Structure formats: structure tokens, C-alpha cells
């Protein structure tokens, strides 16, 4: 029976033949996904790639046994039915199509795949009244749960603690190079470089709306400039810093955020109130930059604080003096 709002079938309306065909196609899809993960990881994380190769072989083994069971019961023609053809079947986002999928995300997706499949089959077994179908779904649930145990065994064999630690360190380094480093550069540029024009305008005009407009223009303009500069000057192929559009997005967005932080207070109509709030925001921005440098870039806290606060204070003083003069 077709779903009222689509051409998909309800799971409760599937025959045992169709359920078995669905299990076969699901095992085949999962094996292909794991092999895709392995191919993505093979160059940078060979031990993790070996784990996913093993998981794909596990899926192939289950699919072969399912096909043998289907042939014994229903013959050679296996109906074409996939999870997207069934209403209520657990959906999976095609994350494996993302060329920049990280190691941690791949591991998490694989675990979710196995857990979701096991839960789905277990729930389906409870909903059916046919003993043979219930038994079939129960075996499928046990098989999916067994996949996770097999994956744990494969990880233990291919990923000893020292190897896993090395791969995790490589993944963290890649995260820092792709997101943290350009984002930090953008935040520093947006927070510090916009101090002079914003506070010069503030003290020269004592007009909060004009100051906000200048701050908005400076922040957005700087964000666009930094974003394009970061994306254009390094394609990441030789440096290994990752996707240029990701780095450009991180740099451009954080540049705009850094400038807007002390521009937004000038939406307050009272000049000195807005200026006081803006100064507090600047203080928080500079200490946030210091914390990020210490946390991710391993810069000693006092040295980072001295550099950032001194630079910010000098730029702020320049803007205030120029505007006040």
C-alpha cells in the first residue's frame, strides 16, 4: 500500500520477501559507504582506513548470507527496494559525499549507522505479528549490533593507543589549520583594526548612529576582504591547510564579528553609555583572542595577553586621539 503523500511504501505493508530485499540493499549500501570512508582516510590515516575496510568486509559477509537466504525462499529475482523507498525507514544524510569530511565525524557517522540500523530492526521486530518475520528482523537487529562489536575488535587490532593518538593529533592539527588559525587571524584583524575608525568617528562626532554606520561598514568590508584574501592566497594543496573556502569563511566571518562587537553598542542612543559598553566589549574581545591563542596555538598566556592587549590599546588610543583632536 502506497503512502498517502508519496509513492513510498509503509514498512508495515512490506512482505517478508521485500523486507529481506531491503536488508540486502541496506547491507550493500553500508559496505559502499565504509569503502568510501576507507578511501578518504587511506592517505592520511591508514590505520583507520584498515578498520573501515574490515567493516566493509563484514557487511559483504552479511549480504552474502542474506542473498543465500533469499534464494532459498524466494528464488533468484531480488526486488529493488532501498531505504528511501520506505516511509518511516531511518534516513541518512549523504555525509560521505562531503570531500572534506573529518576523521572524528567519519567515526561518529559509522557508529550512528550501526546503532540506528540495530534499533530500527529491533523496533520493527516488535511491531510485526508474524513469527517468521519477527524472527528475521530479530536476527537483523542482532547482526547490526554484532557489527559494532566487530568494529571494536577491528579498532583494537588496527588502532592501538599510540596509533590512534597520532591520528587524533593529526585530525586536531588539521582542524586548527583549517578553522582555528584563519578564524583567529580574522578575529584579531576585525577586533583591532576597526578600533581606530570606530572610536575616531565616535569622539569626532559624538553621534552614535553615525558611529554605528561607520563600524558596520568597516566590519563588513574587512570581513569580505579578509575572507577573499584567505581563500585566494592558498589553495591548501601544498600547505595542507585544508579547503580554501572553509578557511575564507572562518576568516571573513570572524573578522566581521570582531568589528561588529564594538560597533553594535552604538545602537544605544546615549553617547557615553554606548562608548562605555563598547570599551567593555573590546576588553572581552581581546581576552577572548588571548584565550584562543593559549588554548589552540599554545602561546604562553602572559605573552599572548601582552601582545594582544598592548596592540589593542595602541590602536584604541590612536583612534581616540585622532577623533578627539
C-alpha atoms as a PDB file:
ATOM      1  CA  UNK A   1       0.000   0.000   0.000  1.00  0.00           C
ATOM      2  CA  UNK A   2       1.461   3.375  -1.016  1.00  0.00           C
ATOM      3  CA  UNK A   3       1.929   6.232   1.433  1.00  0.00           C
ATOM      4  CA  UNK A   4      -0.861   8.778   1.181  1.00  0.00           C
ATOM      5  CA  UNK A   5       1.502  11.684   0.484  1.00  0.00           C
ATOM      6  CA  UNK A   6       4.215   9.934  -1.527  1.00  0.00           C
ATOM      7  CA  UNK A   7       4.966   6.853  -3.580  1.00  0.00           C
ATOM      8  CA  UNK A   8       6.906   5.236  -0.723  1.00  0.00           C
ATOM      9  CA  UNK A   9       5.696   2.042   0.906  1.00  0.00           C
ATOM     10  CA  UNK A  10       4.900   1.750   4.589  1.00  0.00           C
ATOM     11  CA  UNK A  11       7.235  -0.623   6.370  1.00  0.00           C
ATOM     12  CA  UNK A  12       4.291  -2.421   7.980  1.00  0.00           C
ATOM     13  CA  UNK A  13       2.976  -3.244   4.500  1.00  0.00           C
ATOM     14  CA  UNK A  14       6.156  -4.891   3.241  1.00  0.00           C
ATOM     15  CA  UNK A  15       6.152  -8.621   2.674  1.00  0.00           C
ATOM     16  CA  UNK A  16       8.874 -10.859   4.066  1.00  0.00           C
ATOM     17  CA  UNK A  17      10.361 -11.016   0.560  1.00  0.00           C
ATOM     18  CA  UNK A  18      10.547  -7.236   0.412  1.00  0.00           C
ATOM     19  CA  UNK A  19      11.962  -6.967   3.943  1.00  0.00           C
ATOM     20  CA  UNK A  20      14.739  -9.377   3.031  1.00  0.00           C
ATOM     21  CA  UNK A  21      15.416  -7.457  -0.196  1.00  0.00           C
ATOM     22  CA  UNK A  22      15.540  -4.230   1.816  1.00  0.00           C
ATOM     23  CA  UNK A  23      18.066  -5.778   4.209  1.00  0.00           C
ATOM     24  CA  UNK A  24      20.226  -6.884   1.264  1.00  0.00           C
ATOM     25  CA  UNK A  25      20.265  -3.422  -0.321  1.00  0.00           C
ATOM     26  CA  UNK A  26      20.973  -1.797   3.054  1.00  0.00           C
ATOM     27  CA  UNK A  27      23.965  -4.054   3.678  1.00  0.00           C
ATOM     28  CA  UNK A  28      25.259  -3.308   0.176  1.00  0.00           C
ATOM     29  CA  UNK A  29      24.890   0.463   0.691  1.00  0.00           C
ATOM     30  CA  UNK A  30      26.632   0.335   4.059  1.00  0.00           C
ATOM     31  CA  UNK A  31      29.573  -1.584   2.603  1.00  0.00           C
ATOM     32  CA  UNK A  32      29.979   1.018  -0.140  1.00  0.00           C
ATOM     33  CA  UNK A  33      29.852   3.839   2.427  1.00  0.00           C
ATOM     34  CA  UNK A  34      32.548   2.179   4.534  1.00  0.00           C
ATOM     35  CA  UNK A  35      34.761   1.694   1.483  1.00  0.00           C
ATOM     36  CA  UNK A  36      34.281   5.380   0.639  1.00  0.00           C
ATOM     37  CA  UNK A  37      35.397   6.271   4.158  1.00  0.00           C
ATOM     38  CA  UNK A  38      38.411   3.978   3.819  1.00  0.00           C
ATOM     39  CA  UNK A  39      39.416   5.581   0.520  1.00  0.00           C
ATOM     40  CA  UNK A  40      39.153   9.064   2.026  1.00  0.00           C
ATOM     41  CA  UNK A  41      41.269   8.118   5.031  1.00  0.00           C
ATOM     42  CA  UNK A  42      43.864   5.886   3.397  1.00  0.00           C
ATOM     43  CA  UNK A  43      46.481   8.557   2.710  1.00  0.00           C
ATOM     44  CA  UNK A  44      46.336  10.459   5.983  1.00  0.00           C
ATOM     45  CA  UNK A  45      45.002   7.816   8.401  1.00  0.00           C
ATOM     46  CA  UNK A  46      45.941   4.335   7.109  1.00  0.00           C
ATOM     47  CA  UNK A  47      45.110   2.553  10.369  1.00  0.00           C
ATOM     48  CA  UNK A  48      41.565   3.944  10.427  1.00  0.00           C
ATOM     49  CA  UNK A  49      41.217   3.102   6.718  1.00  0.00           C
ATOM     50  CA  UNK A  50      42.038  -0.520   7.575  1.00  0.00           C
ATOM     51  CA  UNK A  51      39.246  -0.501  10.179  1.00  0.00           C
ATOM     52  CA  UNK A  52      36.685   0.613   7.605  1.00  0.00           C
ATOM     53  CA  UNK A  53      37.967  -1.911   5.066  1.00  0.00           C
ATOM     54  CA  UNK A  54      37.288  -4.594   7.660  1.00  0.00           C
ATOM     55  CA  UNK A  55      33.819  -3.207   8.409  1.00  0.00           C
ATOM     56  CA  UNK A  56      33.004  -3.262   4.683  1.00  0.00           C
ATOM     57  CA  UNK A  57      34.041  -6.930   4.537  1.00  0.00           C
ATOM     58  CA  UNK A  58      31.736  -7.649   7.482  1.00  0.00           C
ATOM     59  CA  UNK A  59      28.835  -6.054   5.595  1.00  0.00           C
ATOM     60  CA  UNK A  60      29.703  -8.083   2.480  1.00  0.00           C
ATOM     61  CA  UNK A  61      29.568 -11.280   4.529  1.00  0.00           C
ATOM     62  CA  UNK A  62      26.132 -10.467   5.936  1.00  0.00           C
ATOM     63  CA  UNK A  63      24.860  -9.506   2.495  1.00  0.00           C
ATOM     64  CA  UNK A  64      26.051 -12.837   1.053  1.00  0.00           C
ATOM     65  CA  UNK A  65      24.211 -14.780   3.746  1.00  0.00           C
ATOM     66  CA  UNK A  66      21.076 -12.712   3.219  1.00  0.00           C
ATOM     67  CA  UNK A  67      21.206 -13.371  -0.532  1.00  0.00           C
ATOM     68  CA  UNK A  68      21.548 -17.114   0.106  1.00  0.00           C
ATOM     69  CA  UNK A  69      18.529 -16.995   2.416  1.00  0.00           C
ATOM     70  CA  UNK A  70      16.549 -15.063  -0.185  1.00  0.00           C
ATOM     71  CA  UNK A  71      17.378 -17.544  -2.929  1.00  0.00           C
ATOM     72  CA  UNK A  72      16.304 -20.493  -0.792  1.00  0.00           C
ATOM     73  CA  UNK A  73      12.956 -18.908  -0.002  1.00  0.00           C
ATOM     74  CA  UNK A  74      12.039 -16.703  -2.958  1.00  0.00           C
ATOM     75  CA  UNK A  75      14.261 -17.502  -5.953  1.00  0.00           C
ATOM     76  CA  UNK A  76      16.778 -15.532  -7.990  1.00  0.00           C
ATOM     77  CA  UNK A  77      14.953 -12.236  -8.630  1.00  0.00           C
ATOM     78  CA  UNK A  78      15.548  -9.783  -5.770  1.00  0.00           C
ATOM     79  CA  UNK A  79      13.129  -6.803  -5.835  1.00  0.00           C
ATOM     80  CA  UNK A  80      14.751  -3.381  -5.981  1.00  0.00           C
ATOM     81  CA  UNK A  81      13.845  -1.704  -2.726  1.00  0.00           C
ATOM     82  CA  UNK A  82      16.009   0.722  -0.771  1.00  0.00           C
ATOM     83  CA  UNK A  83      15.580   2.639   2.468  1.00  0.00           C
ATOM     84  CA  UNK A  84      14.444   5.771   0.614  1.00  0.00           C
ATOM     85  CA  UNK A  85      11.540   3.757  -0.859  1.00  0.00           C
ATOM     86  CA  UNK A  86      10.082   3.016   2.575  1.00  0.00           C
ATOM     87  CA  UNK A  87       8.126   5.525   4.661  1.00  0.00           C
ATOM     88  CA  UNK A  88       9.387   5.657   8.234  1.00  0.00           C
ATOM     89  CA  UNK A  89      12.700   3.963   7.491  1.00  0.00           C
ATOM     90  CA  UNK A  90      15.642   5.647   9.206  1.00  0.00           C
ATOM     91  CA  UNK A  91      17.115   8.339   6.980  1.00  0.00           C
ATOM     92  CA  UNK A  92      20.789   9.049   6.500  1.00  0.00           C
ATOM     93  CA  UNK A  93      22.259  12.323   5.336  1.00  0.00           C
ATOM     94  CA  UNK A  94      24.752  11.671   2.497  1.00  0.00           C
ATOM     95  CA  UNK A  95      27.692  12.922   4.535  1.00  0.00           C
ATOM     96  CA  UNK A  96      30.009  10.548   2.681  1.00  0.00           C
ATOM     97  CA  UNK A  97      29.708  12.867  -0.344  1.00  0.00           C
ATOM     98  CA  UNK A  98      31.456  15.661   1.564  1.00  0.00           C
ATOM     99  CA  UNK A  99      35.059  15.688   0.253  1.00  0.00           C
ATOM    100  CA  UNK A 100      36.328  17.368   3.440  1.00  0.00           C
ATOM    101  CA  UNK A 101      34.762  15.007   5.982  1.00  0.00           C
ATOM    102  CA  UNK A 102      36.989  14.812   9.056  1.00  0.00           C
ATOM    103  CA  UNK A 103      38.194  11.722  10.901  1.00  0.00           C
ATOM    104  CA  UNK A 104      36.129  12.284  14.045  1.00  0.00           C
ATOM    105  CA  UNK A 105      32.989  12.915  12.015  1.00  0.00           C
ATOM    106  CA  UNK A 106      33.528   9.728   9.988  1.00  0.00           C
ATOM    107  CA  UNK A 107      33.928   7.665  13.152  1.00  0.00           C
ATOM    108  CA  UNK A 108      30.780   9.191  14.630  1.00  0.00           C
ATOM    109  CA  UNK A 109      28.752   8.585  11.448  1.00  0.00           C
ATOM    110  CA  UNK A 110      29.833   4.933  11.305  1.00  0.00           C
ATOM    111  CA  UNK A 111      28.775   4.353  14.903  1.00  0.00           C
ATOM    112  CA  UNK A 112      25.433   6.063  14.265  1.00  0.00           C
ATOM    113  CA  UNK A 113      24.866   3.904  11.182  1.00  0.00           C
ATOM    114  CA  UNK A 114      25.250   0.690  13.145  1.00  0.00           C
ATOM    115  CA  UNK A 115      23.244   1.867  16.146  1.00  0.00           C
ATOM    116  CA  UNK A 116      20.399   3.239  14.017  1.00  0.00           C
ATOM    117  CA  UNK A 117      20.162   0.031  11.982  1.00  0.00           C
ATOM    118  CA  UNK A 118      20.089  -2.153  15.105  1.00  0.00           C
ATOM    119  CA  UNK A 119      17.430  -0.012  16.781  1.00  0.00           C
ATOM    120  CA  UNK A 120      15.314   0.099  13.648  1.00  0.00           C
ATOM    121  CA  UNK A 121      15.294  -3.660  13.128  1.00  0.00           C
ATOM    122  CA  UNK A 122      14.603  -4.285  16.810  1.00  0.00           C
ATOM    123  CA  UNK A 123      11.653  -1.870  16.776  1.00  0.00           C
ATOM    124  CA  UNK A 124      10.347  -3.391  13.535  1.00  0.00           C
ATOM    125  CA  UNK A 125      10.510  -6.871  15.061  1.00  0.00           C
ATOM    126  CA  UNK A 126       8.295  -5.749  17.947  1.00  0.00           C
ATOM    127  CA  UNK A 127       5.689  -4.287  15.602  1.00  0.00           C
ATOM    128  CA  UNK A 128       5.081  -7.379  13.475  1.00  0.00           C
ATOM    129  CA  UNK A 129       2.681 -10.155  14.407  1.00  0.00           C
ATOM    130  CA  UNK A 130       4.142 -12.764  12.048  1.00  0.00           C
ATOM    131  CA  UNK A 131       6.522 -15.071  13.911  1.00  0.00           C
ATOM    132  CA  UNK A 132       8.817 -15.709  10.949  1.00  0.00           C
ATOM    133  CA  UNK A 133       9.087 -12.012  10.133  1.00  0.00           C
ATOM    134  CA  UNK A 134       9.720 -11.198  13.790  1.00  0.00           C
ATOM    135  CA  UNK A 135      12.472 -13.797  13.878  1.00  0.00           C
ATOM    136  CA  UNK A 136      14.000 -12.416  10.678  1.00  0.00           C
ATOM    137  CA  UNK A 137      14.022  -8.849  11.988  1.00  0.00           C
ATOM    138  CA  UNK A 138      15.435 -10.014  15.301  1.00  0.00           C
ATOM    139  CA  UNK A 139      18.339 -11.700  13.506  1.00  0.00           C
ATOM    140  CA  UNK A 140      18.940  -8.498  11.530  1.00  0.00           C
ATOM    141  CA  UNK A 141      18.996  -6.453  14.741  1.00  0.00           C
ATOM    142  CA  UNK A 142      21.489  -8.876  16.282  1.00  0.00           C
ATOM    143  CA  UNK A 143      23.620  -8.720  13.138  1.00  0.00           C
ATOM    144  CA  UNK A 144      23.742  -4.918  13.226  1.00  0.00           C
ATOM    145  CA  UNK A 145      24.653  -4.942  16.929  1.00  0.00           C
ATOM    146  CA  UNK A 146      27.329  -7.500  16.102  1.00  0.00           C
ATOM    147  CA  UNK A 147      28.760  -5.145  13.514  1.00  0.00           C
ATOM    148  CA  UNK A 148      29.623  -2.675  16.263  1.00  0.00           C
ATOM    149  CA  UNK A 149      31.366  -5.406  18.261  1.00  0.00           C
ATOM    150  CA  UNK A 150      33.269  -6.360  15.134  1.00  0.00           C
ATOM    151  CA  UNK A 151      34.211  -2.720  14.581  1.00  0.00           C
ATOM    152  CA  UNK A 152      35.518  -2.501  18.151  1.00  0.00           C
ATOM    153  CA  UNK A 153      37.612  -5.631  17.559  1.00  0.00           C
ATOM    154  CA  UNK A 154      38.967  -4.199  14.305  1.00  0.00           C
ATOM    155  CA  UNK A 155      39.871  -0.945  16.051  1.00  0.00           C
ATOM    156  CA  UNK A 156      41.676  -2.866  18.781  1.00  0.00           C
ATOM    157  CA  UNK A 157      43.688  -4.702  16.108  1.00  0.00           C
ATOM    158  CA  UNK A 158      44.434  -1.824  13.751  1.00  0.00           C
ATOM    159  CA  UNK A 159      44.308   1.132  16.138  1.00  0.00           C
ATOM    160  CA  UNK A 160      46.460   0.603  19.216  1.00  0.00           C
ATOM    161  CA  UNK A 161      46.574   3.558  21.593  1.00  0.00           C
ATOM    162  CA  UNK A 162      49.735   5.108  20.162  1.00  0.00           C
ATOM    163  CA  UNK A 163      48.465   4.938  16.562  1.00  0.00           C
ATOM    164  CA  UNK A 164      45.050   6.310  17.478  1.00  0.00           C
ATOM    165  CA  UNK A 165      46.652   9.113  19.483  1.00  0.00           C
ATOM    166  CA  UNK A 166      48.813  10.023  16.485  1.00  0.00           C
ATOM    167  CA  UNK A 167      45.812  10.065  14.135  1.00  0.00           C
ATOM    168  CA  UNK A 168      43.760  12.111  16.602  1.00  0.00           C
ATOM    169  CA  UNK A 169      46.631  14.585  16.891  1.00  0.00           C
ATOM    170  CA  UNK A 170      46.737  14.855  13.102  1.00  0.00           C
ATOM    171  CA  UNK A 171      42.997  15.470  12.955  1.00  0.00           C
ATOM    172  CA  UNK A 172      43.260  18.171  15.640  1.00  0.00           C
ATOM    173  CA  UNK A 173      46.116  19.816  13.760  1.00  0.00           C
ATOM    174  CA  UNK A 174      44.036  19.840  10.582  1.00  0.00           C
ATOM    175  CA  UNK A 175      41.099  21.412  12.470  1.00  0.00           C
ATOM    176  CA  UNK A 176      43.369  24.138  13.786  1.00  0.00           C
ATOM    177  CA  UNK A 177      44.884  24.839  10.363  1.00  0.00           C
ATOM    178  CA  UNK A 178      41.536  24.918   8.552  1.00  0.00           C
ATOM    179  CA  UNK A 179      39.286  26.648  11.094  1.00  0.00           C
ATOM    180  CA  UNK A 180      41.047  27.989  14.182  1.00  0.00           C
ATOM    181  CA  UNK A 181      44.066  29.692  12.629  1.00  0.00           C
ATOM    182  CA  UNK A 182      42.208  31.676   9.923  1.00  0.00           C
ATOM    183  CA  UNK A 183      39.346  32.378  12.326  1.00  0.00           C
ATOM    184  CA  UNK A 184      41.762  33.711  14.947  1.00  0.00           C
ATOM    185  CA  UNK A 185      43.506  35.871  12.350  1.00  0.00           C
ATOM    186  CA  UNK A 186      40.135  37.252  11.316  1.00  0.00           C
ATOM    187  CA  UNK A 187      39.022  37.904  14.893  1.00  0.00           C
ATOM    188  CA  UNK A 188      42.268  39.727  15.645  1.00  0.00           C
ATOM    189  CA  UNK A 189      42.018  41.814  12.479  1.00  0.00           C
ATOM    190  CA  UNK A 190      38.355  42.643  12.994  1.00  0.00           C
ATOM    191  CA  UNK A 191      38.710  43.428  16.687  1.00  0.00           C
ATOM    192  CA  UNK A 192      41.874  45.527  16.449  1.00  0.00           C
ATOM    193  CA  UNK A 193      41.867  47.153  13.001  1.00  0.00           C
ATOM    194  CA  UNK A 194      38.345  48.572  13.379  1.00  0.00           C
ATOM    195  CA  UNK A 195      39.082  50.176  16.759  1.00  0.00           C
ATOM    196  CA  UNK A 196      40.656  53.276  15.219  1.00  0.00           C
ATOM    197  CA  UNK A 197      37.924  54.171  12.691  1.00  0.00           C
ATOM    198  CA  UNK A 198      35.072  53.382  15.090  1.00  0.00           C
ATOM    199  CA  UNK A 199      36.390  55.319  18.084  1.00  0.00           C
ATOM    200  CA  UNK A 200      37.774  58.124  15.926  1.00  0.00           C
ATOM    201  CA  UNK A 201      34.302  58.593  14.494  1.00  0.00           C
ATOM    202  CA  UNK A 202      32.754  58.320  17.956  1.00  0.00           C
ATOM    203  CA  UNK A 203      34.904  61.022  19.549  1.00  0.00           C
ATOM    204  CA  UNK A 204      34.876  63.245  16.460  1.00  0.00           C
ATOM    205  CA  UNK A 205      31.086  63.267  16.020  1.00  0.00           C
ATOM    206  CA  UNK A 206      29.662  62.063  19.357  1.00  0.00           C
ATOM    207  CA  UNK A 207      26.857  60.746  17.152  1.00  0.00           C
ATOM    208  CA  UNK A 208      26.023  57.131  17.975  1.00  0.00           C
ATOM    209  CA  UNK A 209      24.153  56.390  14.738  1.00  0.00           C
ATOM    210  CA  UNK A 210      26.956  57.703  12.541  1.00  0.00           C
ATOM    211  CA  UNK A 211      29.480  55.733  14.606  1.00  0.00           C
ATOM    212  CA  UNK A 212      27.425  52.571  14.175  1.00  0.00           C
ATOM    213  CA  UNK A 213      27.216  53.062  10.401  1.00  0.00           C
ATOM    214  CA  UNK A 214      30.978  53.540  10.148  1.00  0.00           C
ATOM    215  CA  UNK A 215      31.542  50.479  12.352  1.00  0.00           C
ATOM    216  CA  UNK A 216      29.134  48.377  10.312  1.00  0.00           C
ATOM    217  CA  UNK A 217      30.767  49.397   7.027  1.00  0.00           C
ATOM    218  CA  UNK A 218      34.276  48.816   8.385  1.00  0.00           C
ATOM    219  CA  UNK A 219      33.388  45.385   9.839  1.00  0.00           C
ATOM    220  CA  UNK A 220      31.560  44.067   6.794  1.00  0.00           C
ATOM    221  CA  UNK A 221      34.159  45.439   4.395  1.00  0.00           C
ATOM    222  CA  UNK A 222      37.018  43.976   6.417  1.00  0.00           C
ATOM    223  CA  UNK A 223      35.223  40.627   6.638  1.00  0.00           C
ATOM    224  CA  UNK A 224      34.754  40.422   2.882  1.00  0.00           C
ATOM    225  CA  UNK A 225      38.347  41.461   2.235  1.00  0.00           C
ATOM    226  CA  UNK A 226      39.846  39.008   4.746  1.00  0.00           C
ATOM    227  CA  UNK A 227      37.642  36.178   3.522  1.00  0.00           C
ATOM    228  CA  UNK A 228      38.614  36.555  -0.105  1.00  0.00           C
ATOM    229  CA  UNK A 229      42.277  37.097   0.772  1.00  0.00           C
ATOM    230  CA  UNK A 230      42.448  33.936   2.866  1.00  0.00           C
ATOM    231  CA  UNK A 231      40.674  31.837   0.231  1.00  0.00           C
ATOM    232  CA  UNK A 232      42.672  33.186  -2.699  1.00  0.00           C
ATOM    233  CA  UNK A 233      46.227  33.230  -1.391  1.00  0.00           C
ATOM    234  CA  UNK A 234      46.471  29.496  -0.568  1.00  0.00           C
ATOM    235  CA  UNK A 235      44.530  26.644  -2.176  1.00  0.00           C
ATOM    236  CA  UNK A 236      45.676  24.290   0.578  1.00  0.00           C
ATOM    237  CA  UNK A 237      47.193  21.722  -1.790  1.00  0.00           C
ATOM    238  CA  UNK A 238      50.834  22.296  -0.863  1.00  0.00           C
ATOM    239  CA  UNK A 239      50.414  23.775   2.604  1.00  0.00           C
ATOM    240  CA  UNK A 240      47.893  21.138   3.714  1.00  0.00           C
ATOM    241  CA  UNK A 241      45.794  23.817   5.422  1.00  0.00           C
ATOM    242  CA  UNK A 242      42.534  22.441   4.054  1.00  0.00           C
ATOM    243  CA  UNK A 243      39.714  23.755   1.895  1.00  0.00           C
ATOM    244  CA  UNK A 244      40.226  27.419   0.885  1.00  0.00           C
ATOM    245  CA  UNK A 245      36.526  28.223   1.090  1.00  0.00           C
ATOM    246  CA  UNK A 246      36.344  26.906   4.654  1.00  0.00           C
ATOM    247  CA  UNK A 247      39.352  28.979   5.661  1.00  0.00           C
ATOM    248  CA  UNK A 248      37.934  32.005   3.868  1.00  0.00           C
ATOM    249  CA  UNK A 249      34.578  31.562   5.579  1.00  0.00           C
ATOM    250  CA  UNK A 250      36.187  31.274   9.021  1.00  0.00           C
ATOM    251  CA  UNK A 251      38.425  34.278   8.458  1.00  0.00           C
ATOM    252  CA  UNK A 252      35.758  36.509   6.909  1.00  0.00           C
ATOM    253  CA  UNK A 253      33.061  35.688   9.428  1.00  0.00           C
ATOM    254  CA  UNK A 254      35.274  36.160  12.476  1.00  0.00           C
ATOM    255  CA  UNK A 255      36.647  39.431  11.067  1.00  0.00           C
ATOM    256  CA  UNK A 256      33.126  40.799  10.758  1.00  0.00           C
ATOM    257  CA  UNK A 257      32.208  39.525  14.228  1.00  0.00           C
ATOM    258  CA  UNK A 258      35.299  41.128  15.741  1.00  0.00           C
ATOM    259  CA  UNK A 259      34.390  44.548  14.326  1.00  0.00           C
ATOM    260  CA  UNK A 260      30.659  44.345  14.978  1.00  0.00           C
ATOM    261  CA  UNK A 261      31.274  43.509  18.630  1.00  0.00           C
ATOM    262  CA  UNK A 262      32.195  47.089  19.491  1.00  0.00           C
ATOM    263  CA  UNK A 263      30.092  48.696  16.749  1.00  0.00           C
ATOM    264  CA  UNK A 264      26.739  47.317  17.939  1.00  0.00           C
ATOM    265  CA  UNK A 265      26.819  49.195  21.296  1.00  0.00           C
ATOM    266  CA  UNK A 266      26.456  52.409  19.317  1.00  0.00           C
ATOM    267  CA  UNK A 267      22.867  51.462  18.623  1.00  0.00           C
ATOM    268  CA  UNK A 268      22.396  52.812  22.159  1.00  0.00           C
ATOM    269  CA  UNK A 269      21.387  56.466  21.643  1.00  0.00           C
ATOM    270  CA  UNK A 270      23.270  57.857  24.682  1.00  0.00           C
ATOM    271  CA  UNK A 271      26.868  58.521  23.606  1.00  0.00           C
ATOM    272  CA  UNK A 272      28.784  57.862  26.812  1.00  0.00           C
ATOM    273  CA  UNK A 273      26.703  54.808  27.688  1.00  0.00           C
ATOM    274  CA  UNK A 274      27.344  53.362  24.226  1.00  0.00           C
ATOM    275  CA  UNK A 275      31.061  54.173  24.443  1.00  0.00           C
ATOM    276  CA  UNK A 276      31.399  52.586  27.880  1.00  0.00           C
ATOM    277  CA  UNK A 277      29.671  49.396  26.689  1.00  0.00           C
ATOM    278  CA  UNK A 278      31.870  49.362  23.546  1.00  0.00           C
ATOM    279  CA  UNK A 279      35.024  49.607  25.685  1.00  0.00           C
ATOM    280  CA  UNK A 280      33.861  46.678  27.821  1.00  0.00           C
ATOM    281  CA  UNK A 281      33.208  44.647  24.665  1.00  0.00           C
ATOM    282  CA  UNK A 282      36.689  45.479  23.374  1.00  0.00           C
ATOM    283  CA  UNK A 283      38.173  44.229  26.638  1.00  0.00           C
ATOM    284  CA  UNK A 284      36.230  40.948  26.322  1.00  0.00           C
ATOM    285  CA  UNK A 285      37.237  40.544  22.667  1.00  0.00           C
ATOM    286  CA  UNK A 286      40.923  40.970  23.446  1.00  0.00           C
ATOM    287  CA  UNK A 287      40.808  38.451  26.272  1.00  0.00           C
ATOM    288  CA  UNK A 288      38.907  36.002  24.046  1.00  0.00           C
ATOM    289  CA  UNK A 289      41.715  36.294  21.493  1.00  0.00           C
ATOM    290  CA  UNK A 290      44.257  35.690  24.248  1.00  0.00           C
ATOM    291  CA  UNK A 291      42.401  32.582  25.418  1.00  0.00           C
ATOM    292  CA  UNK A 292      42.169  31.141  21.879  1.00  0.00           C
ATOM    293  CA  UNK A 293      45.879  31.730  21.302  1.00  0.00           C
ATOM    294  CA  UNK A 294      46.709  29.976  24.554  1.00  0.00           C
ATOM    295  CA  UNK A 295      44.203  27.135  24.078  1.00  0.00           C
ATOM    296  CA  UNK A 296      44.778  26.215  20.436  1.00  0.00           C
ATOM    297  CA  UNK A 297      48.028  27.872  19.343  1.00  0.00           C
ATOM    298  CA  UNK A 298      49.838  27.030  22.612  1.00  0.00           C
ATOM    299  CA  UNK A 299      51.053  30.597  23.022  1.00  0.00           C
ATOM    300  CA  UNK A 300      52.031  31.308  26.658  1.00  0.00           C
ATOM    301  CA  UNK A 301      49.115  33.138  28.270  1.00  0.00           C
ATOM    302  CA  UNK A 302      51.049  36.148  29.584  1.00  0.00           C
ATOM    303  CA  UNK A 303      52.855  36.682  26.278  1.00  0.00           C
ATOM    304  CA  UNK A 304      49.592  36.415  24.312  1.00  0.00           C
ATOM    305  CA  UNK A 305      47.869  38.791  26.733  1.00  0.00           C
ATOM    306  CA  UNK A 306      50.689  41.328  26.499  1.00  0.00           C
ATOM    307  CA  UNK A 307      50.761  41.271  22.705  1.00  0.00           C
ATOM    308  CA  UNK A 308      47.005  41.468  22.203  1.00  0.00           C
ATOM    309  CA  UNK A 309      46.195  43.982  24.928  1.00  0.00           C
ATOM    310  CA  UNK A 310      49.135  46.241  24.065  1.00  0.00           C
ATOM    311  CA  UNK A 311      48.260  46.206  20.351  1.00  0.00           C
ATOM    312  CA  UNK A 312      44.598  46.862  21.038  1.00  0.00           C
ATOM    313  CA  UNK A 313      45.393  49.669  23.476  1.00  0.00           C
ATOM    314  CA  UNK A 314      47.667  51.399  20.960  1.00  0.00           C
ATOM    315  CA  UNK A 315      45.094  51.237  18.162  1.00  0.00           C
ATOM    316  CA  UNK A 316      42.322  52.426  20.505  1.00  0.00           C
ATOM    317  CA  UNK A 317      44.476  55.325  21.687  1.00  0.00           C
ATOM    318  CA  UNK A 318      45.245  56.282  18.098  1.00  0.00           C
ATOM    319  CA  UNK A 319      41.568  56.366  17.219  1.00  0.00           C
ATOM    320  CA  UNK A 320      40.591  58.304  20.332  1.00  0.00           C
ATOM    321  CA  UNK A 321      43.370  60.875  19.848  1.00  0.00           C
ATOM    322  CA  UNK A 322      42.625  61.391  16.165  1.00  0.00           C
ATOM    323  CA  UNK A 323      38.897  61.668  16.790  1.00  0.00           C
ATOM    324  CA  UNK A 324      39.298  63.859  19.845  1.00  0.00           C
ATOM    325  CA  UNK A 325      41.753  66.167  18.098  1.00  0.00           C
END
